[in-house]
C-alpha atoms as a PDB file:
ATOM      1  CA  MET A   1       0.000   0.000   0.000  1.00  0.00           C
ATOM      2  CA  ILE A   2       1.293   3.441  -0.953  1.00  0.00           C
ATOM      3  CA  LEU A   3      -0.042   6.762   0.335  1.00  0.00           C
ATOM      4  CA  VAL A   4       0.795  10.299  -0.751  1.00  0.00           C
ATOM      5  CA  ASN A   5       0.205  13.067   1.786  1.00  0.00           C
ATOM      6  CA  GLY A   6      -2.101  10.731   3.693  1.00  0.00           C
ATOM      7  CA  GLN A   7      -4.196   9.618   0.715  1.00  0.00           C
ATOM      8  CA  LYS A   8      -4.063   6.077  -0.614  1.00  0.00           C
ATOM      9  CA  ILE A   9      -3.036   5.679  -4.239  1.00  0.00           C
ATOM     10  CA  GLU A  10      -5.327   3.374  -6.202  1.00  0.00           C
ATOM     11  CA  PHE A  11      -3.282   1.499  -8.773  1.00  0.00           C
ATOM     12  CA  THR A  12      -4.982  -0.481 -11.518  1.00  0.00           C
ATOM     13  CA  ARG A  13      -3.710  -2.549 -14.431  1.00  0.00           C
ATOM     14  CA  PHE A  14      -4.072  -2.523 -18.166  1.00  0.00           C
ATOM     15  CA  PRO A  15      -5.039  -5.855 -19.789  1.00  0.00           C
ATOM     16  CA  ASP A  16      -1.367  -6.622 -20.433  1.00  0.00           C
ATOM     17  CA  GLY A  17      -0.588  -6.330 -16.694  1.00  0.00           C
ATOM     18  CA  THR A  18       1.193  -2.988 -16.736  1.00  0.00           C
ATOM     19  CA  THR A  19       0.402  -0.295 -14.185  1.00  0.00           C
ATOM     20  CA  SER A  20      -2.225   2.400 -14.534  1.00  0.00           C
ATOM     21  CA  PHE A  21      -3.048   5.174 -12.086  1.00  0.00           C
ATOM     22  CA  ARG A  22      -4.661   8.597 -12.424  1.00  0.00           C
ATOM     23  CA  PHE A  23      -5.060  11.769 -10.378  1.00  0.00           C
ATOM     24  CA  ASP A  24      -7.791  14.380 -10.601  1.00  0.00           C
ATOM     25  CA  PRO A  25      -6.017  17.706  -9.973  1.00  0.00           C
ATOM     26  CA  GLU A  26      -9.358  19.493  -9.544  1.00  0.00           C
ATOM     27  CA  SER A  27     -10.562  17.365  -6.628  1.00  0.00           C
ATOM     28  CA  GLN A  28      -7.375  16.175  -4.914  1.00  0.00           C
ATOM     29  CA  ASN A  29      -4.444  18.237  -3.685  1.00  0.00           C
ATOM     30  CA  TRP A  30      -2.040  15.338  -4.001  1.00  0.00           C
ATOM     31  CA  PHE A  31       1.246  17.133  -4.435  1.00  0.00           C
ATOM     32  CA  ASP A  32       2.949  20.236  -3.187  1.00  0.00           C
ATOM     33  CA  GLU A  33       6.535  21.338  -2.678  1.00  0.00           C
ATOM     34  CA  SER A  34       6.812  19.006   0.317  1.00  0.00           C
ATOM     35  CA  THR A  35       5.438  15.558  -0.460  1.00  0.00           C
ATOM     36  CA  ALA A  36       5.370  12.607   1.946  1.00  0.00           C
ATOM     37  CA  ILE A  37       5.073   9.101   0.560  1.00  0.00           C
ATOM     38  CA  VAL A  38       4.262   6.247   2.937  1.00  0.00           C
ATOM     39  CA  TRP A  39       5.059   2.762   1.652  1.00  0.00           C
ATOM     40  CA  MET A  40       3.538  -0.063   3.697  1.00  0.00           C
ATOM     41  CA  TYR A  41       5.311  -2.928   1.959  1.00  0.00           C
ATOM     42  CA  ASP A  42       3.167  -5.731   0.553  1.00  0.00           C
ATOM     43  CA  GLY A  43       5.490  -7.100  -2.114  1.00  0.00           C
ATOM     44  CA  ASP A  44       8.288  -6.374  -4.574  1.00  0.00           C
ATOM     45  CA  HIS A  45       5.742  -5.550  -7.280  1.00  0.00           C
ATOM     46  CA  GLU A  46       5.269  -2.208  -5.517  1.00  0.00           C
ATOM     47  CA  CYS A  47       8.800  -1.123  -6.455  1.00  0.00           C
ATOM     48  CA  ILE A  48       7.745  -0.278  -9.997  1.00  0.00           C
ATOM     49  CA  LEU A  49       4.670   1.541  -8.637  1.00  0.00           C
ATOM     50  CA  LEU A  50       6.917   3.661  -6.436  1.00  0.00           C
ATOM     51  CA  TRP A  51       9.216   4.355  -9.387  1.00  0.00           C
ATOM     52  CA  HIS A  52       6.340   5.591 -11.573  1.00  0.00           C
ATOM     53  CA  LEU A  53       4.847   7.617  -8.733  1.00  0.00           C
ATOM     54  CA  VAL A  54       7.981   9.499  -7.687  1.00  0.00           C
ATOM     55  CA  HIS A  55       8.889  10.416 -11.249  1.00  0.00           C
ATOM     56  CA  HIS A  56       5.349  11.657 -11.862  1.00  0.00           C
ATOM     57  CA  ILE A  57       5.424  13.780  -8.702  1.00  0.00           C
ATOM     58  CA  ARG A  58       8.670  15.424  -9.760  1.00  0.00           C
ATOM     59  CA  SER A  59       7.311  16.032 -13.255  1.00  0.00           C
ATOM     60  CA  VAL A  60       4.356  17.892 -11.703  1.00  0.00           C
ATOM     61  CA  VAL A  61       5.970  19.712  -8.779  1.00  0.00           C
ATOM     62  CA  GLY A  62       9.522  20.103 -10.040  1.00  0.00           C
ATOM     63  CA  GLN A  63      12.787  18.261  -9.733  1.00  0.00           C
ATOM     64  CA  ASP A  64      13.756  20.230  -6.611  1.00  0.00           C
ATOM     65  CA  ALA A  65      10.634  19.262  -4.661  1.00  0.00           C
ATOM     66  CA  PHE A  66      11.134  17.935  -1.135  1.00  0.00           C
ATOM     67  CA  VAL A  67       9.954  14.336  -1.479  1.00  0.00           C
ATOM     68  CA  GLN A  68      10.362  12.073   1.512  1.00  0.00           C
ATOM     69  CA  LEU A  69       9.662   8.371   1.953  1.00  0.00           C
ATOM     70  CA  VAL A  70       8.353   6.647   5.058  1.00  0.00           C
ATOM     71  CA  MET A  71       9.194   2.952   4.707  1.00  0.00           C
ATOM     72  CA  PRO A  72       8.603   1.216   8.074  1.00  0.00           C
ATOM     73  CA  TYR A  73       9.800  -2.176   6.831  1.00  0.00           C
ATOM     74  CA  ILE A  74      12.952  -2.480   4.729  1.00  0.00           C
ATOM     75  CA  PRO A  75      12.570  -5.208   2.096  1.00  0.00           C
ATOM     76  CA  ASN A  76      15.546  -7.559   1.694  1.00  0.00           C
ATOM     77  CA  ALA A  77      16.864  -6.518   5.116  1.00  0.00           C
ATOM     78  CA  ARG A  78      17.758 -10.103   6.011  1.00  0.00           C
ATOM     79  CA  MET A  79      19.973 -10.468   2.937  1.00  0.00           C
ATOM     80  CA  ASP A  80      22.507  -7.991   4.285  1.00  0.00           C
ATOM     81  CA  ARG A  81      25.570  -9.867   3.035  1.00  0.00           C
ATOM     82  CA  ALA A  82      26.544 -12.555   0.559  1.00  0.00           C
ATOM     83  CA  LYS A  83      28.464 -15.361   2.262  1.00  0.00           C
ATOM     84  CA  LYS A  84      28.632 -17.807  -0.630  1.00  0.00           C
ATOM     85  CA  ALA A  85      29.350 -17.490  -4.341  1.00  0.00           C
ATOM     86  CA  ASP A  86      25.775 -18.378  -5.289  1.00  0.00           C
ATOM     87  CA  GLU A  87      24.165 -15.783  -3.003  1.00  0.00           C
ATOM     88  CA  VAL A  88      23.003 -12.377  -4.224  1.00  0.00           C
ATOM     89  CA  PHE A  89      23.410  -9.276  -2.037  1.00  0.00           C
ATOM     90  CA  THR A  90      19.843  -8.150  -2.718  1.00  0.00           C
ATOM     91  CA  LEU A  91      19.756  -5.563   0.065  1.00  0.00           C
ATOM     92  CA  LYS A  92      22.473  -3.579  -1.688  1.00  0.00           C
ATOM     93  CA  TRP A  93      20.605  -3.572  -4.979  1.00  0.00           C
ATOM     94  CA  PHE A  94      17.362  -2.621  -3.251  1.00  0.00           C
ATOM     95  CA  ALA A  95      19.151   0.273  -1.516  1.00  0.00           C
ATOM     96  CA  ASP A  96      20.504   1.365  -4.902  1.00  0.00           C
ATOM     97  CA  PHE A  97      16.918   1.433  -6.184  1.00  0.00           C
ATOM     98  CA  ILE A  98      15.742   3.635  -3.296  1.00  0.00           C
ATOM     99  CA  ASN A  99      18.762   5.929  -3.664  1.00  0.00           C
ATOM    100  CA  ALA A 100      18.063   6.323  -7.380  1.00  0.00           C
ATOM    101  CA  LEU A 101      14.775   8.038  -6.477  1.00  0.00           C
ATOM    102  CA  HIS A 102      16.711  10.771  -4.622  1.00  0.00           C
ATOM    103  CA  PHE A 103      14.482  11.118  -1.582  1.00  0.00           C
ATOM    104  CA  CYS A 104      15.311  14.020   0.696  1.00  0.00           C
ATOM    105  CA  ARG A 105      14.649  11.763   3.670  1.00  0.00           C
ATOM    106  CA  VAL A 106      13.890   8.059   4.129  1.00  0.00           C
ATOM    107  CA  THR A 107      12.340   7.102   7.465  1.00  0.00           C
ATOM    108  CA  VAL A 108      12.621   3.448   8.457  1.00  0.00           C
ATOM    109  CA  PHE A 109      11.412   1.669  11.574  1.00  0.00           C
ATOM    110  CA  ASP A 110      13.489  -0.642  13.761  1.00  0.00           C
ATOM    111  CA  PRO A 111      15.647  -1.993  10.911  1.00  0.00           C
ATOM    112  CA  HIS A 112      16.853  -5.587  11.075  1.00  0.00           C
ATOM    113  CA  SER A 113      20.421  -4.682  10.155  1.00  0.00           C
ATOM    114  CA  ASN A 114      22.709  -1.676  10.423  1.00  0.00           C
ATOM    115  CA  VAL A 115      23.906  -2.580   6.942  1.00  0.00           C
ATOM    116  CA  ALA A 116      20.553  -1.382   5.565  1.00  0.00           C
ATOM    117  CA  THR A 117      20.817   2.039   7.153  1.00  0.00           C
ATOM    118  CA  ALA A 118      24.406   2.358   5.973  1.00  0.00           C
ATOM    119  CA  LEU A 119      23.385   1.677   2.381  1.00  0.00           C
ATOM    120  CA  ILE A 120      20.324   3.953   2.174  1.00  0.00           C
ATOM    121  CA  ASN A 121      20.954   7.669   1.674  1.00  0.00           C
ATOM    122  CA  ASN A 122      19.394  10.323   3.941  1.00  0.00           C
ATOM    123  CA  VAL A 123      18.043   7.674   6.272  1.00  0.00           C
ATOM    124  CA  TYR A 124      16.366   8.353   9.607  1.00  0.00           C
ATOM    125  CA  VAL A 125      15.672   5.496  12.034  1.00  0.00           C
ATOM    126  CA  ALA A 126      12.439   5.552  14.062  1.00  0.00           C
ATOM    127  CA  GLN A 127      12.943   3.569  17.256  1.00  0.00           C
ATOM    128  CA  PRO A 128      10.352   1.118  18.656  1.00  0.00           C
ATOM    129  CA  THR A 129      10.372   2.486  22.219  1.00  0.00           C
ATOM    130  CA  TRP A 130       6.786   3.760  22.111  1.00  0.00           C
ATOM    131  CA  TYR A 131       5.465   0.513  20.628  1.00  0.00           C
ATOM    132  CA  ILE A 132       7.220  -1.676  23.178  1.00  0.00           C
ATOM    133  CA  GLY A 133       5.816   0.607  25.882  1.00  0.00           C
ATOM    134  CA  ARG A 134       2.318   0.096  24.509  1.00  0.00           C
ATOM    135  CA  ALA A 135       2.787  -3.667  24.692  1.00  0.00           C
ATOM    136  CA  ILE A 136       4.013  -3.427  28.280  1.00  0.00           C
ATOM    137  CA  SER A 137       1.024  -1.268  29.217  1.00  0.00           C
ATOM    138  CA  ALA A 138      -1.385  -3.731  27.587  1.00  0.00           C
ATOM    139  CA  ILE A 139       0.107  -6.637  29.540  1.00  0.00           C
ATOM    140  CA  GLY A 140      -0.409  -4.608  32.683  1.00  0.00           C
ATOM    141  CA  VAL A 141       1.546  -6.652  35.225  1.00  0.00           C
ATOM    142  CA  GLU A 142       4.055  -5.478  37.802  1.00  0.00           C
ATOM    143  CA  ASN A 143       7.676  -6.569  37.790  1.00  0.00           C
ATOM    144  CA  LEU A 144       7.583  -7.613  34.120  1.00  0.00           C
ATOM    145  CA  LEU A 145      10.879  -9.123  32.955  1.00  0.00           C
ATOM    146  CA  LEU A 146      12.141  -8.426  29.441  1.00  0.00           C
ATOM    147  CA  CYS A 147      13.893 -11.153  27.489  1.00  0.00           C
ATOM    148  CA  TYR A 148      15.946 -10.680  24.324  1.00  0.00           C
ATOM    149  CA  PRO A 149      16.562 -13.782  22.193  1.00  0.00           C
ATOM    150  CA  ASP A 150      20.266 -13.026  21.666  1.00  0.00           C
ATOM    151  CA  GLU A 151      23.035 -10.704  22.739  1.00  0.00           C
ATOM    152  CA  GLY A 152      22.639  -8.495  19.680  1.00  0.00           C
ATOM    153  CA  ALA A 153      19.005  -7.768  20.518  1.00  0.00           C
ATOM    154  CA  ALA A 154      19.978  -7.153  24.149  1.00  0.00           C
ATOM    155  CA  LYS A 155      22.485  -4.497  23.127  1.00  0.00           C
ATOM    156  CA  ARG A 156      19.980  -2.786  20.821  1.00  0.00           C
ATOM    157  CA  TYR A 157      16.905  -2.718  23.025  1.00  0.00           C
ATOM    158  CA  SER A 158      18.313  -2.465  26.551  1.00  0.00           C
ATOM    159  CA  GLU A 159      19.541   1.029  25.681  1.00  0.00           C
ATOM    160  CA  LEU A 160      15.983   1.991  24.727  1.00  0.00           C
ATOM    161  CA  MET A 161      14.101   0.277  27.549  1.00  0.00           C
ATOM    162  CA  PRO A 162      15.306   0.956  31.119  1.00  0.00           C
ATOM    163  CA  ALA A 163      13.982  -2.317  32.526  1.00  0.00           C
ATOM    164  CA  GLU A 164      15.370  -5.512  33.988  1.00  0.00           C
ATOM    165  CA  TYR A 165      16.206  -8.065  31.327  1.00  0.00           C
ATOM    166  CA  ILE A 166      17.898 -11.317  30.435  1.00  0.00           C
ATOM    167  CA  PHE A 167      18.950 -12.644  27.044  1.00  0.00           C
ATOM    168  CA  GLY A 168      19.430 -15.901  25.218  1.00  0.00           C
ATOM    169  CA  ILE A 169      22.478 -17.642  23.831  1.00  0.00           C
ATOM    170  CA  LYS A 170      21.703 -19.669  20.725  1.00  0.00           C
ATOM    171  CA  HIS A 171      23.494 -22.894  19.864  1.00  0.00           C
ATOM    172  CA  ARG A 172      23.183 -23.737  16.169  1.00  0.00           C
ATOM    173  CA  ASP A 173      24.098 -26.634  13.947  1.00  0.00           C
ATOM    174  CA  TRP A 174      26.990 -25.061  12.035  1.00  0.00           C
ATOM    175  CA  ARG A 175      26.090 -27.001   8.894  1.00  0.00           C
ATOM    176  CA  THR A 176      22.383 -26.163   8.709  1.00  0.00           C
ATOM    177  CA  GLY A 177      22.165 -22.972  10.775  1.00  0.00           C
ATOM    178  CA  LYS A 178      19.224 -24.399  12.736  1.00  0.00           C
ATOM    179  CA  ILE A 179      18.924 -23.644  16.445  1.00  0.00           C
ATOM    180  CA  GLU A 180      19.561 -26.810  18.447  1.00  0.00           C
ATOM    181  CA  ARG A 181      19.063 -25.260  21.861  1.00  0.00           C
ATOM    182  CA  LEU A 182      18.929 -21.905  23.586  1.00  0.00           C
ATOM    183  CA  GLU A 183      20.162 -21.115  27.079  1.00  0.00           C
ATOM    184  CA  LEU A 184      19.317 -18.058  29.131  1.00  0.00           C
ATOM    185  CA  THR A 185      21.524 -15.740  31.132  1.00  0.00           C
ATOM    186  CA  SER A 186      20.534 -15.071  34.767  1.00  0.00           C
ATOM    187  CA  THR A 187      17.881 -17.797  34.940  1.00  0.00           C
ATOM    188  CA  GLU A 188      17.462 -17.029  38.651  1.00  0.00           C
ATOM    189  CA  LYS A 189      15.521 -13.898  37.610  1.00  0.00           C
ATOM    190  CA  VAL A 190      12.843 -15.889  35.790  1.00  0.00           C
ATOM    191  CA  GLU A 191      11.130 -17.969  38.491  1.00  0.00           C
ATOM    192  CA  GLY A 192       7.538 -16.789  39.019  1.00  0.00           C
ATOM    193  CA  ARG A 193       7.874 -13.802  36.652  1.00  0.00           C
ATOM    194  CA  HIS A 194       5.793 -12.672  33.695  1.00  0.00           C
ATOM    195  CA  VAL A 195       8.106 -12.194  30.705  1.00  0.00           C
ATOM    196  CA  LEU A 196       7.977 -10.159  27.487  1.00  0.00           C
ATOM    197  CA  ILE A 197      10.245 -11.372  24.685  1.00  0.00           C
ATOM    198  CA  VAL A 198      11.347  -8.450  22.473  1.00  0.00           C
ATOM    199  CA  ASP A 199      12.875  -8.574  18.997  1.00  0.00           C
ATOM    200  CA  ASP A 200      12.679  -6.865  15.615  1.00  0.00           C
ATOM    201  CA  ILE A 201      11.224  -9.471  13.265  1.00  0.00           C
ATOM    202  CA  CYS A 202       9.309 -12.748  13.305  1.00  0.00           C
ATOM    203  CA  SER A 203       8.984 -15.154  10.404  1.00  0.00           C
ATOM    204  CA  ARG A 204       7.834 -18.627  11.496  1.00  0.00           C
ATOM    205  CA  GLY A 205       8.999 -17.885  15.017  1.00  0.00           C
ATOM    206  CA  GLY A 206      11.380 -20.749  15.727  1.00  0.00           C
ATOM    207  CA  THR A 207      13.688 -18.520  17.767  1.00  0.00           C
ATOM    208  CA  PHE A 208      10.797 -17.446  19.979  1.00  0.00           C
ATOM    209  CA  THR A 209       9.591 -21.005  20.494  1.00  0.00           C
ATOM    210  CA  HIS A 210      13.065 -21.967  21.732  1.00  0.00           C
ATOM    211  CA  THR A 211      13.191 -18.853  23.931  1.00  0.00           C
ATOM    212  CA  ALA A 212       9.754 -19.441  25.429  1.00  0.00           C
ATOM    213  CA  ARG A 213      10.550 -23.100  26.123  1.00  0.00           C
ATOM    214  CA  ALA A 214      13.713 -22.098  27.990  1.00  0.00           C
ATOM    215  CA  LEU A 215      11.741 -19.506  29.959  1.00  0.00           C
ATOM    216  CA  LYS A 216       9.120 -22.064  30.958  1.00  0.00           C
ATOM    217  CA  GLU A 217      11.827 -24.489  32.076  1.00  0.00           C
ATOM    218  CA  ALA A 218      13.230 -21.672  34.230  1.00  0.00           C
ATOM    219  CA  GLY A 219       9.847 -21.165  35.923  1.00  0.00           C
ATOM    220  CA  ALA A 220       8.297 -18.258  34.010  1.00  0.00           C
ATOM    221  CA  LYS A 221       4.586 -17.561  34.358  1.00  0.00           C
ATOM    222  CA  ASP A 222       2.896 -16.006  31.323  1.00  0.00           C
ATOM    223  CA  ILE A 223       5.130 -15.267  28.342  1.00  0.00           C
ATOM    224  CA  TYR A 224       4.395 -12.549  25.783  1.00  0.00           C
ATOM    225  CA  LEU A 225       6.104 -11.547  22.549  1.00  0.00           C
ATOM    226  CA  TYR A 226       6.684  -8.156  20.944  1.00  0.00           C
ATOM    227  CA  VAL A 227       8.147  -7.934  17.415  1.00  0.00           C
ATOM    228  CA  SER A 228       8.242  -4.758  15.348  1.00  0.00           C
ATOM    229  CA  HIS A 229       7.775  -6.647  12.079  1.00  0.00           C
ATOM    230  CA  CYS A 230       5.638  -9.788  11.998  1.00  0.00           C
ATOM    231  CA  GLU A 231       5.458 -11.726   8.757  1.00  0.00           C
ATOM    232  CA  ASN A 232       2.290 -13.633   7.964  1.00  0.00           C
ATOM    233  CA  ALA A 233       4.556 -16.706   7.999  1.00  0.00           C
ATOM    234  CA  ILE A 234       3.951 -16.733  11.760  1.00  0.00           C
ATOM    235  CA  PHE A 235       0.890 -18.857  10.942  1.00  0.00           C
ATOM    236  CA  ASP A 236       3.197 -21.541   9.554  1.00  0.00           C
ATOM    237  CA  GLY A 237       5.098 -21.913  12.836  1.00  0.00           C
ATOM    238  CA  LEU A 238       4.272 -22.953  16.380  1.00  0.00           C
ATOM    239  CA  VAL A 239       4.120 -19.581  18.139  1.00  0.00           C
ATOM    240  CA  LEU A 240       0.330 -19.378  17.985  1.00  0.00           C
ATOM    241  CA  THR A 241      -0.375 -23.059  18.605  1.00  0.00           C
ATOM    242  CA  ASP A 242       2.088 -24.570  21.100  1.00  0.00           C
ATOM    243  CA  GLY A 243       0.716 -22.715  24.140  1.00  0.00           C
ATOM    244  CA  LEU A 244       4.079 -21.340  25.270  1.00  0.00           C
ATOM    245  CA  ILE A 245       3.455 -17.699  24.301  1.00  0.00           C
ATOM    246  CA  ARG A 246       0.212 -16.231  25.572  1.00  0.00           C
ATOM    247  CA  HIS A 247      -0.041 -13.202  23.285  1.00  0.00           C
ATOM    248  CA  VAL A 248       1.846 -11.494  20.464  1.00  0.00           C
ATOM    249  CA  PHE A 249       2.178  -7.742  19.943  1.00  0.00           C
ATOM    250  CA  THR A 250       3.341  -6.267  16.658  1.00  0.00           C
ATOM    251  CA  THR A 251       2.896  -3.258  14.389  1.00  0.00           C
ATOM    252  CA  ASP A 252       1.218  -2.885  11.014  1.00  0.00           C
ATOM    253  CA  SER A 253       4.536  -2.538   9.177  1.00  0.00           C
ATOM    254  CA  ILE A 254       4.080  -5.833   7.267  1.00  0.00           C
ATOM    255  CA  TYR A 255       1.551  -7.912   9.223  1.00  0.00           C
ATOM    256  CA  ARG A 256      -1.736  -8.183   7.335  1.00  0.00           C
ATOM    257  CA  GLY A 257      -3.429 -11.084   9.108  1.00  0.00           C
ATOM    258  CA  GLU A 258      -5.956 -11.409  11.913  1.00  0.00           C
ATOM    259  CA  HIS A 259      -5.718 -13.602  14.993  1.00  0.00           C
ATOM    260  CA  GLU A 260      -7.245 -13.383  18.436  1.00  0.00           C
ATOM    261  CA  ASN A 261      -3.818 -13.743  20.056  1.00  0.00           C
ATOM    262  CA  ILE A 262      -2.130 -11.025  18.000  1.00  0.00           C
ATOM    263  CA  THR A 263      -2.543  -7.330  18.834  1.00  0.00           C
ATOM    264  CA  VAL A 264      -1.542  -4.882  16.114  1.00  0.00           C
ATOM    265  CA  ILE A 265      -0.278  -1.499  17.284  1.00  0.00           C
ATOM    266  CA  LYS A 266      -0.964   0.966  14.492  1.00  0.00           C
ATOM    267  CA  ARG A 267       1.803   3.120  13.071  1.00  0.00           C
ATOM    268  CA  ARG A 268       2.166   6.547  14.612  1.00  0.00           C
ATOM    269  CA  GLU A 269       1.868   9.414  12.126  1.00  0.00           C
END
């Protein structure tokens, strides 16, 4: 979904599959010298829509117009390096695409990798502090313990959230990359506590299943999960079915599903 100055753009297709979209300049004040585009990513097909849109805006307003992009989720963020000869560094090429549109500012939300923000020009990072706070308020229990699935997440989020926390240490099969087990630091803090697991992104949720299992073994009461970006692939995993995690909190950056145990915190304007 793409919005311009708060108004959703309705894209259609010609019979051959190419893009069509129109604006009525008499009824809609779509563009001015400062134009804000919000891209709520739903798929790579939207890249060509964004390309057409930005070039049209500049043809109407002028090449020097202040055009900014709000892109809460960064596509290809996981592919932030190429380790093998057959891998493609798609994040770099995606960043080149965004940079080619010459945005005056690109706002991203809780990016998965610092590589992404290094590659994108004029980038501004919106932190998830407010959203995590909303999740904590919704849980509404005293003495809530935060848990980060790995040391990297602990370093990122503990600076944002002044709360007691522990983190996990993952042990993987070096050949497959799969998590074989996960151990927790400071397990003595867990007994009898409600716990909120915090991380940036969830796909099928295997990391969180391992984390929740370790928390339960350490004596945790109810376990909750906050992720800034929740893929619909969560329905293919065990997070919503194994009974370990009571409730999931996420934002509307990429999650488009509905589930009674998932609360979506809407993006702040």
